[in-house]
């Protein structure tokens, strides 16, 4: 998560971790789901996550 803050410092006000059940790992940007471990069955690669968040932010 630190990489996201470093890369998109001017766009991101906060990163929040929310506990859930069932081993979910989901990333949303402004309420829009950009990655779901539940849907893909895997964790994202670092660069993949940076790309997905960047696309959503228009950065």
Protein backbone atom coordinates (compact mmCIF):
# COMPACT_ATOMS: atom_id res chain seq x y z
CA UNK A 1 0.00 0.00 0.00
CA UNK A 2 2.94 2.30 0.59
CA UNK A 3 3.76 2.15 -3.12
CA UNK A 4 0.27 3.39 -3.95
CA UNK A 5 0.65 6.34 -1.61
CA UNK A 6 4.08 7.15 -3.03
CA UNK A 7 2.92 6.88 -6.64
CA UNK A 8 -0.43 8.69 -6.29
CA UNK A 9 0.29 11.01 -3.37
CA UNK A 10 -1.53 13.94 -4.98
CA UNK A 11 -4.68 11.86 -5.67
CA UNK A 12 -5.07 9.69 -2.56
CA UNK A 13 -6.29 11.18 0.69
CA UNK A 14 -6.38 7.90 2.59
CA UNK A 15 -6.14 4.14 2.34
CA UNK A 16 -8.43 2.21 4.65
CA UNK A 17 -8.36 -1.47 5.55
CA UNK A 18 -11.73 -2.92 6.47
CA UNK A 19 -12.03 -6.33 8.11
CA UNK A 20 -14.25 -8.82 6.33
CA UNK A 21 -14.96 -12.51 6.22
CA UNK A 22 -14.19 -15.20 3.68
CA UNK A 23 -10.62 -14.10 2.85
CA UNK A 24 -11.68 -11.22 0.64
CA UNK A 25 -9.18 -8.69 -0.63
CA UNK A 26 -10.87 -5.97 -2.62
CA UNK A 27 -9.59 -2.62 -3.79
CA UNK A 28 -12.01 0.19 -4.51
CA UNK A 29 -11.34 3.72 -5.69
CA UNK A 30 -14.07 6.27 -5.06
CA UNK A 31 -16.51 3.42 -4.46
CA UNK A 32 -15.67 1.59 -7.71
CA UNK A 33 -14.23 -1.93 -7.44
CA UNK A 34 -10.92 -2.12 -9.31
CA UNK A 35 -9.68 -5.51 -8.04
CA UNK A 36 -11.26 -8.46 -6.25
CA UNK A 37 -9.38 -11.50 -4.95
CA UNK A 38 -12.76 -13.16 -4.57
CA UNK A 39 -13.47 -12.75 -8.29
CA UNK A 40 -9.97 -13.60 -9.55
CA UNK A 41 -8.90 -16.18 -6.96
CA UNK A 42 -5.55 -14.46 -6.43
CA UNK A 43 -3.85 -11.41 -5.00
CA UNK A 44 -2.82 -8.68 -7.45
CA UNK A 45 0.78 -8.15 -8.47
CA UNK A 46 2.17 -4.82 -7.23
CA UNK A 47 2.48 -3.28 -10.70
CA UNK A 48 -0.96 -4.57 -11.65
CA UNK A 49 -2.51 -2.84 -8.66
CA UNK A 50 -0.67 0.40 -9.42
CA UNK A 51 -1.90 0.24 -13.02
CA UNK A 52 -5.53 -0.47 -12.04
CA UNK A 53 -5.63 2.31 -9.46
CA UNK A 54 -3.89 4.70 -11.85
CA UNK A 55 -6.42 3.96 -14.59
CA UNK A 56 -9.30 4.65 -12.21
CA UNK A 57 -7.72 7.89 -11.01
CA UNK A 58 -6.94 8.99 -14.57
CA UNK A 59 -3.31 9.39 -13.58
